[in-house]
PDB file of N, CA and C in Angstrom:
ATOM      1  N   UNK A   1      19.158 -10.020  12.339  1.00  0.00           N
ATOM      2  CA  UNK A   1      18.008 -10.588  12.112  1.00  0.00           C
ATOM      3  C   UNK A   1      16.696  -9.999  12.985  1.00  0.00           C
ATOM      4  N   UNK A   2      15.904  -9.362  13.118  1.00  0.00           N
ATOM      5  CA  UNK A   2      14.972  -8.881  13.748  1.00  0.00           C
ATOM      6  C   UNK A   2      13.857 -10.539  14.293  1.00  0.00           C
ATOM      7  N   UNK A   3      13.460 -10.782  15.326  1.00  0.00           N
ATOM      8  CA  UNK A   3      12.671 -11.692  16.160  1.00  0.00           C
ATOM      9  C   UNK A   3      11.067 -10.586  16.109  1.00  0.00           C
ATOM     10  N   UNK A   4       9.831 -10.546  14.926  1.00  0.00           N
ATOM     11  CA  UNK A   4       8.679 -10.246  15.735  1.00  0.00           C
ATOM     12  C   UNK A   4       7.616 -10.965  16.147  1.00  0.00           C
ATOM     13  N   UNK A   5       6.665 -10.114  16.838  1.00  0.00           N
ATOM     14  CA  UNK A   5       6.001 -11.112  17.489  1.00  0.00           C
ATOM     15  C   UNK A   5       4.338 -10.050  17.389  1.00  0.00           C
ATOM     16  N   UNK A   6       3.388 -10.754  17.245  1.00  0.00           N
ATOM     17  CA  UNK A   6       2.531 -10.266  17.158  1.00  0.00           C
ATOM     18  C   UNK A   6       0.985 -11.659  18.177  1.00  0.00           C
ATOM     19  N   UNK A   7       0.278 -10.592  18.676  1.00  0.00           N
ATOM     20  CA  UNK A   7      -0.229 -11.324  19.212  1.00  0.00           C
ATOM     21  C   UNK A   7      -1.925  -9.942  19.840  1.00  0.00           C
ATOM     22  N   UNK A   8      -2.509 -10.924  20.078  1.00  0.00           N
ATOM     23  CA  UNK A   8      -4.219 -10.521  19.766  1.00  0.00           C
ATOM     24  C   UNK A   8      -4.670 -10.554  19.088  1.00  0.00           C
ATOM     25  N   UNK A   9      -6.202  -9.935  18.727  1.00  0.00           N
ATOM     26  CA  UNK A   9      -6.398  -9.683  17.685  1.00  0.00           C
ATOM     27  C   UNK A   9      -5.005  -9.424  16.403  1.00  0.00           C
ATOM     28  N   UNK A  10      -4.191  -8.917  16.815  1.00  0.00           N
ATOM     29  CA  UNK A  10      -3.859  -8.428  15.046  1.00  0.00           C
ATOM     30  C   UNK A  10      -2.910 -10.174  15.012  1.00  0.00           C
ATOM     31  N   UNK A  11      -2.769 -10.687  15.968  1.00  0.00           N
ATOM     32  CA  UNK A  11      -2.564 -12.026  15.124  1.00  0.00           C
ATOM     33  C   UNK A  11      -3.443 -12.390  14.190  1.00  0.00           C
ATOM     34  N   UNK A  12      -4.757 -12.928  14.792  1.00  0.00           N
ATOM     35  CA  UNK A  12      -6.048 -13.172  13.660  1.00  0.00           C
ATOM     36  C   UNK A  12      -6.119 -12.418  12.949  1.00  0.00           C
ATOM     37  N   UNK A  13      -5.698 -11.211  12.334  1.00  0.00           N
ATOM     38  CA  UNK A  13      -6.156 -10.535  11.379  1.00  0.00           C
ATOM     39  C   UNK A  13      -4.789 -10.490  10.394  1.00  0.00           C
ATOM     40  N   UNK A  14      -3.436 -10.827  10.904  1.00  0.00           N
ATOM     41  CA  UNK A  14      -2.078 -10.877  10.267  1.00  0.00           C
ATOM     42  C   UNK A  14      -2.594 -12.555   9.550  1.00  0.00           C
ATOM     43  N   UNK A  15      -2.569 -12.793   9.821  1.00  0.00           N
ATOM     44  CA  UNK A  15      -2.351 -14.629   9.752  1.00  0.00           C
ATOM     45  C   UNK A  15      -0.949 -15.238  10.570  1.00  0.00           C
ATOM     46  N   UNK A  16       0.045 -14.658  11.524  1.00  0.00           N
ATOM     47  CA  UNK A  16       0.291 -15.411  11.612  1.00  0.00           C
ATOM     48  C   UNK A  16       0.694 -14.135  13.290  1.00  0.00           C
ATOM     49  N   UNK A  17       1.584 -15.782  13.943  1.00  0.00           N
ATOM     50  CA  UNK A  17       2.575 -15.115  15.762  1.00  0.00           C
ATOM     51  C   UNK A  17       3.964 -14.655  15.215  1.00  0.00           C
ATOM     52  N   UNK A  18       4.492 -14.931  14.327  1.00  0.00           N
ATOM     53  CA  UNK A  18       6.046 -14.121  14.218  1.00  0.00           C
ATOM     54  C   UNK A  18       6.401 -14.392  12.865  1.00  0.00           C
ATOM     55  N   UNK A  19       7.205 -13.621  13.116  1.00  0.00           N
ATOM     56  CA  UNK A  19       8.121 -13.212  11.304  1.00  0.00           C
ATOM     57  C   UNK A  19       9.551 -13.213  12.372  1.00  0.00           C
ATOM     58  N   UNK A  20      10.465 -13.897  10.958  1.00  0.00           N
ATOM     59  CA  UNK A  20      11.870 -12.695  11.088  1.00  0.00           C
ATOM     60  C   UNK A  20      11.699 -11.175  10.038  1.00  0.00           C
ATOM     61  N   UNK A  21      12.447 -10.588  10.276  1.00  0.00           N
ATOM     62  CA  UNK A  21      12.898  -9.490   9.169  1.00  0.00           C
ATOM     63  C   UNK A  21      14.566  -9.972   9.378  1.00  0.00           C
ATOM     64  N   UNK A  22      15.337  -9.259   8.231  1.00  0.00           N
ATOM     65  CA  UNK A  22      16.412  -8.788   7.988  1.00  0.00           C
ATOM     66  C   UNK A  22      17.284  -7.292   8.660  1.00  0.00           C
ATOM     67  N   UNK A  23      18.109  -7.024   8.931  1.00  0.00           N
ATOM     68  CA  UNK A  23      17.982  -4.930   8.646  1.00  0.00           C
ATOM     69  C   UNK A  23      19.133  -5.262   8.122  1.00  0.00           C
ATOM     70  N   UNK A  24      19.647  -4.046   8.423  1.00  0.00           N
ATOM     71  CA  UNK A  24      21.137  -4.008   8.099  1.00  0.00           C
ATOM     72  C   UNK A  24      21.157  -2.686   9.066  1.00  0.00           C
ATOM     73  N   UNK A  25      20.310  -1.655   9.225  1.00  0.00           N
ATOM     74  CA  UNK A  25      20.908  -0.886   9.900  1.00  0.00           C
ATOM     75  C   UNK A  25      19.726  -0.426  10.985  1.00  0.00           C
ATOM     76  N   UNK A  26      19.733  -0.233  11.562  1.00  0.00           N
ATOM     77  CA  UNK A  26      19.006   0.182  13.209  1.00  0.00           C
ATOM     78  C   UNK A  26      18.398   0.569  12.413  1.00  0.00           C
ATOM     79  N   UNK A  27      16.546   0.635  12.873  1.00  0.00           N
ATOM     80  CA  UNK A  27      15.619   1.628  12.668  1.00  0.00           C
ATOM     81  C   UNK A  27      14.802   1.721  13.200  1.00  0.00           C
ATOM     82  N   UNK A  28      13.360   2.696  13.342  1.00  0.00           N
ATOM     83  CA  UNK A  28      13.006   2.714  14.023  1.00  0.00           C
ATOM     84  C   UNK A  28      11.567   2.187  14.880  1.00  0.00           C
ATOM     85  N   UNK A  29      10.668   1.997  15.909  1.00  0.00           N
ATOM     86  CA  UNK A  29      10.191   1.341  16.138  1.00  0.00           C
ATOM     87  C   UNK A  29       8.643   1.421  14.905  1.00  0.00           C
ATOM     88  N   UNK A  30       8.277   2.752  14.681  1.00  0.00           N
ATOM     89  CA  UNK A  30       7.343   3.997  13.687  1.00  0.00           C
ATOM     90  C   UNK A  30       8.076   3.919  12.187  1.00  0.00           C
ATOM     91  N   UNK A  31       9.397   3.095  12.679  1.00  0.00           N
ATOM     92  CA  UNK A  31       9.427   3.201  10.004  1.00  0.00           C
ATOM     93  C   UNK A  31       9.622   1.632   9.898  1.00  0.00           C
ATOM     94  N   UNK A  32       9.281   0.808  11.205  1.00  0.00           N
ATOM     95  CA  UNK A  32       9.308  -1.151  11.747  1.00  0.00           C
ATOM     96  C   UNK A  32       8.038  -1.001  10.458  1.00  0.00           C
ATOM     97  N   UNK A  33       7.703  -0.344  11.658  1.00  0.00           N
ATOM     98  CA  UNK A  33       5.583  -0.359  11.303  1.00  0.00           C
ATOM     99  C   UNK A  33       5.333  -0.072  10.032  1.00  0.00           C
ATOM    100  N   UNK A  34       5.938   0.751   9.227  1.00  0.00           N
ATOM    101  CA  UNK A  34       5.012   1.718   8.138  1.00  0.00           C
ATOM    102  C   UNK A  34       5.948   0.149   6.999  1.00  0.00           C
ATOM    103  N   UNK A  35       7.065   0.053   7.379  1.00  0.00           N
ATOM    104  CA  UNK A  35       7.769  -0.971   6.342  1.00  0.00           C
ATOM    105  C   UNK A  35       6.934  -2.492   6.168  1.00  0.00           C
ATOM    106  N   UNK A  36       6.661  -3.187   7.768  1.00  0.00           N
ATOM    107  CA  UNK A  36       5.455  -3.848   7.773  1.00  0.00           C
ATOM    108  C   UNK A  36       4.259  -4.203   6.770  1.00  0.00           C
ATOM    109  N   UNK A  37       3.523  -2.754   6.996  1.00  0.00           N
ATOM    110  CA  UNK A  37       2.583  -1.873   6.460  1.00  0.00           C
ATOM    111  C   UNK A  37       2.657  -2.472   5.128  1.00  0.00           C
ATOM    112  N   UNK A  38       3.732  -2.308   4.105  1.00  0.00           N
ATOM    113  CA  UNK A  38       3.546  -2.508   2.796  1.00  0.00           C
ATOM    114  C   UNK A  38       3.670  -3.708   2.686  1.00  0.00           C
ATOM    115  N   UNK A  39       3.424  -5.301   3.604  1.00  0.00           N
ATOM    116  CA  UNK A  39       4.025  -6.795   2.565  1.00  0.00           C
ATOM    117  C   UNK A  39       1.936  -6.595   2.307  1.00  0.00           C
ATOM    118  N   UNK A  40       0.595  -6.212   1.988  1.00  0.00           N
ATOM    119  CA  UNK A  40      -0.369  -6.268   1.793  1.00  0.00           C
ATOM    120  C   UNK A  40      -1.377  -5.414   2.282  1.00  0.00           C
ATOM    121  N   UNK A  41      -2.421  -5.618   2.148  1.00  0.00           N
ATOM    122  CA  UNK A  41      -4.123  -4.651   2.343  1.00  0.00           C
ATOM    123  C   UNK A  41      -4.301  -5.188   3.634  1.00  0.00           C
ATOM    124  N   UNK A  42      -3.728  -6.256   4.377  1.00  0.00           N
ATOM    125  CA  UNK A  42      -4.232  -6.551   5.920  1.00  0.00           C
ATOM    126  C   UNK A  42      -3.041  -6.175   6.711  1.00  0.00           C
ATOM    127  N   UNK A  43      -1.977  -6.263   6.652  1.00  0.00           N
ATOM    128  CA  UNK A  43      -0.853  -5.651   6.980  1.00  0.00           C
ATOM    129  C   UNK A  43      -0.963  -4.061   7.239  1.00  0.00           C
ATOM    130  N   UNK A  44      -1.273  -3.114   6.333  1.00  0.00           N
ATOM    131  CA  UNK A  44      -0.947  -1.836   5.731  1.00  0.00           C
ATOM    132  C   UNK A  44      -2.445  -1.552   6.682  1.00  0.00           C
ATOM    133  N   UNK A  45      -3.851  -2.240   6.498  1.00  0.00           N
ATOM    134  CA  UNK A  45      -4.967  -1.839   7.802  1.00  0.00           C
ATOM    135  C   UNK A  45      -4.544  -1.824   9.285  1.00  0.00           C
ATOM    136  N   UNK A  46      -3.750  -3.074   9.232  1.00  0.00           N
ATOM    137  CA  UNK A  46      -3.761  -3.727  10.901  1.00  0.00           C
ATOM    138  C   UNK A  46      -2.666  -2.396  12.008  1.00  0.00           C
ATOM    139  N   UNK A  47      -1.936  -2.467  10.617  1.00  0.00           N
ATOM    140  CA  UNK A  47      -0.685  -0.945  11.082  1.00  0.00           C
ATOM    141  C   UNK A  47      -0.871   0.073  10.752  1.00  0.00           C
ATOM    142  N   UNK A  48      -1.365   0.247  10.248  1.00  0.00           N
ATOM    143  CA  UNK A  48      -1.421   1.891   9.390  1.00  0.00           C
ATOM    144  C   UNK A  48      -1.161   3.128  10.451  1.00  0.00           C
ATOM    145  N   UNK A  49      -1.032   4.115  10.483  1.00  0.00           N
ATOM    146  CA  UNK A  49      -0.403   4.668  11.498  1.00  0.00           C
ATOM    147  C   UNK A  49      -1.935   5.263  12.763  1.00  0.00           C
ATOM    148  N   UNK A  50      -2.492   5.732  12.271  1.00  0.00           N
ATOM    149  CA  UNK A  50      -4.221   5.422  12.550  1.00  0.00           C
ATOM    150  C   UNK A  50      -4.381   4.454  13.742  1.00  0.00           C
ATOM    151  N   UNK A  51      -4.128   3.304  13.646  1.00  0.00           N
ATOM    152  CA  UNK A  51      -4.784   2.204  14.531  1.00  0.00           C
ATOM    153  C   UNK A  51      -3.621   2.345  15.427  1.00  0.00           C
ATOM    154  N   UNK A  52      -4.269   1.699  17.340  1.00  0.00           N
ATOM    155  CA  UNK A  52      -3.916   1.991  18.129  1.00  0.00           C
ATOM    156  C   UNK A  52      -3.158   0.821  18.113  1.00  0.00           C
ATOM    157  N   UNK A  53      -1.699   0.087  18.235  1.00  0.00           N
ATOM    158  CA  UNK A  53      -0.431  -1.137  18.153  1.00  0.00           C
ATOM    159  C   UNK A  53       0.191  -0.510  19.019  1.00  0.00           C
ATOM    160  N   UNK A  54       0.777  -1.337  20.031  1.00  0.00           N
ATOM    161  CA  UNK A  54       1.828  -0.496  20.682  1.00  0.00           C
ATOM    162  C   UNK A  54       2.474  -1.763  20.159  1.00  0.00           C
ATOM    163  N   UNK A  55       4.433  -1.248  20.769  1.00  0.00           N
ATOM    164  CA  UNK A  55       5.046  -2.287  20.852  1.00  0.00           C
ATOM    165  C   UNK A  55       5.496  -2.224  22.072  1.00  0.00           C
ATOM    166  N   UNK A  56       6.637  -3.492  21.965  1.00  0.00           N
ATOM    167  CA  UNK A  56       7.383  -3.878  22.723  1.00  0.00           C
ATOM    168  C   UNK A  56       8.603  -3.932  21.884  1.00  0.00           C
ATOM    169  N   UNK A  57      10.394  -3.671  23.207  1.00  0.00           N
ATOM    170  CA  UNK A  57      11.204  -4.134  21.898  1.00  0.00           C
ATOM    171  C   UNK A  57      11.984  -4.439  23.442  1.00  0.00           C
ATOM    172  N   UNK A  58      12.414  -6.422  22.737  1.00  0.00           N
ATOM    173  CA  UNK A  58      13.513  -7.253  24.410  1.00  0.00           C
ATOM    174  C   UNK A  58      12.469  -6.901  25.532  1.00  0.00           C
ATOM    175  N   UNK A  59      11.153  -6.918  25.027  1.00  0.00           N
ATOM    176  CA  UNK A  59      10.028  -6.975  26.002  1.00  0.00           C
ATOM    177  C   UNK A  59      10.318  -5.755  27.418  1.00  0.00           C
ATOM    178  N   UNK A  60      10.017  -4.702  26.675  1.00  0.00           N
ATOM    179  CA  UNK A  60       9.696  -3.726  27.819  1.00  0.00           C
ATOM    180  C   UNK A  60       9.246  -2.423  26.124  1.00  0.00           C
ATOM    181  N   UNK A  61       8.156  -1.719  27.250  1.00  0.00           N
ATOM    182  CA  UNK A  61       7.438  -1.154  26.131  1.00  0.00           C
ATOM    183  C   UNK A  61       8.414   0.198  25.351  1.00  0.00           C
ATOM    184  N   UNK A  62       7.564  -0.388  23.990  1.00  0.00           N
ATOM    185  CA  UNK A  62       9.055   1.193  23.030  1.00  0.00           C
ATOM    186  C   UNK A  62       7.780   2.133  22.265  1.00  0.00           C
ATOM    187  N   UNK A  63       8.942   3.082  22.539  1.00  0.00           N
ATOM    188  CA  UNK A  63       7.754   4.501  21.320  1.00  0.00           C
ATOM    189  C   UNK A  63       7.894   4.466  20.023  1.00  0.00           C
ATOM    190  N   UNK A  64       7.383   5.090  19.437  1.00  0.00           N
ATOM    191  CA  UNK A  64       7.765   5.020  18.003  1.00  0.00           C
ATOM    192  C   UNK A  64       9.056   5.234  17.870  1.00  0.00           C
ATOM    193  N   UNK A  65       9.631   6.352  18.063  1.00  0.00           N
ATOM    194  CA  UNK A  65      11.261   6.348  18.130  1.00  0.00           C
ATOM    195  C   UNK A  65      12.157   5.879  18.545  1.00  0.00           C
ATOM    196  N   UNK A  66      12.278   4.623  19.764  1.00  0.00           N
ATOM    197  CA  UNK A  66      12.667   3.622  20.340  1.00  0.00           C
ATOM    198  C   UNK A  66      13.323   3.031  19.085  1.00  0.00           C
ATOM    199  N   UNK A  67      14.548   2.876  19.355  1.00  0.00           N
ATOM    200  CA  UNK A  67      15.040   2.317  17.814  1.00  0.00           C
ATOM    201  C   UNK A  67      15.758   0.464  18.220  1.00  0.00           C
ATOM    202  N   UNK A  68      15.162  -0.083  16.933  1.00  0.00           N
ATOM    203  CA  UNK A  68      15.338  -1.851  16.784  1.00  0.00           C
ATOM    204  C   UNK A  68      16.848  -1.944  16.362  1.00  0.00           C
ATOM    205  N   UNK A  69      17.577  -2.831  16.320  1.00  0.00           N
ATOM    206  CA  UNK A  69      18.607  -3.265  15.448  1.00  0.00           C
ATOM    207  C   UNK A  69      18.723  -4.746  15.426  1.00  0.00           C
ATOM    208  N   UNK A  70      19.847  -4.957  15.147  1.00  0.00           N
ATOM    209  CA  UNK A  70      20.070  -6.591  14.484  1.00  0.00           C
ATOM    210  C   UNK A  70      19.558  -7.690  15.641  1.00  0.00           C
ATOM    211  N   UNK A  71      18.856  -8.472  15.878  1.00  0.00           N
ATOM    212  CA  UNK A  71      19.290  -9.424  17.221  1.00  0.00           C
ATOM    213  C   UNK A  71      18.096  -9.195  18.403  1.00  0.00           C
ATOM    214  N   UNK A  72      17.631  -7.974  17.932  1.00  0.00           N
ATOM    215  CA  UNK A  72      16.184  -7.116  18.640  1.00  0.00           C
ATOM    216  C   UNK A  72      15.426  -8.376  19.009  1.00  0.00           C
ATOM    217  N   UNK A  73      13.880  -8.011  19.872  1.00  0.00           N
ATOM    218  CA  UNK A  73      13.013  -9.142  19.404  1.00  0.00           C
ATOM    219  C   UNK A  73      11.718  -7.952  19.052  1.00  0.00           C
ATOM    220  N   UNK A  74      10.657  -7.828  18.683  1.00  0.00           N
ATOM    221  CA  UNK A  74      10.144  -6.840  18.586  1.00  0.00           C
ATOM    222  C   UNK A  74       8.595  -7.260  18.852  1.00  0.00           C
ATOM    223  N   UNK A  75       7.144  -6.548  19.908  1.00  0.00           N
ATOM    224  CA  UNK A  75       5.831  -7.518  20.105  1.00  0.00           C
ATOM    225  C   UNK A  75       5.147  -6.304  19.447  1.00  0.00           C
ATOM    226  N   UNK A  76       4.320  -6.563  18.562  1.00  0.00           N
ATOM    227  CA  UNK A  76       2.926  -5.517  18.414  1.00  0.00           C
ATOM    228  C   UNK A  76       2.112  -6.340  18.777  1.00  0.00           C
ATOM    229  N   UNK A  77       1.192  -5.622  19.234  1.00  0.00           N
ATOM    230  CA  UNK A  77      -0.111  -5.915  20.397  1.00  0.00           C
ATOM    231  C   UNK A  77      -0.637  -4.820  19.959  1.00  0.00           C
ATOM    232  N   UNK A  78      -2.677  -5.286  20.260  1.00  0.00           N
ATOM    233  CA  UNK A  78      -3.166  -4.415  20.600  1.00  0.00           C
ATOM    234  C   UNK A  78      -3.192  -3.344  22.337  1.00  0.00           C
ATOM    235  N   UNK A  79      -3.903  -2.957  22.174  1.00  0.00           N
ATOM    236  CA  UNK A  79      -3.932  -2.100  23.859  1.00  0.00           C
ATOM    237  C   UNK A  79      -5.050  -2.849  24.634  1.00  0.00           C
ATOM    238  N   UNK A  80      -4.830  -3.289  25.945  1.00  0.00           N
ATOM    239  CA  UNK A  80      -5.743  -4.514  26.164  1.00  0.00           C
ATOM    240  C   UNK A  80      -6.434  -3.168  27.797  1.00  0.00           C
ATOM    241  N   UNK A  81      -7.199  -3.702  28.092  1.00  0.00           N
ATOM    242  CA  UNK A  81      -8.065  -3.485  29.182  1.00  0.00           C
ATOM    243  C   UNK A  81      -8.842  -4.258  30.102  1.00  0.00           C
ATOM    244  N   UNK A  82      -8.264  -4.342  31.363  1.00  0.00           N
ATOM    245  CA  UNK A  82      -9.160  -4.649  32.346  1.00  0.00           C
ATOM    246  C   UNK A  82     -10.271  -4.193  33.393  1.00  0.00           C
ATOM    247  N   UNK A  83     -10.607  -5.327  34.279  1.00  0.00           N
ATOM    248  CA  UNK A  83     -11.219  -4.858  34.713  1.00  0.00           C
ATOM    249  C   UNK A  83     -12.105  -5.590  36.212  1.00  0.00           C
TER     250      UNK A  83
END
């Protein structure tokens, strides 16, 4: 089972801050994102390939090709700026 976390504006758009997903084989962050985007129109828009969304796997910034497997925690969040 993968623990999913959603932060900031992404959490507001999706209407949840966490979820779990059962996986049987490892998949990449990009594959996971594409799978989540099939849930409904809000998820499709928020997680579309052209949407700027960052991911972290087990608290480390991840790339689209980073592998995710059973027991991992994956966080999705918009980029943040400071000043």
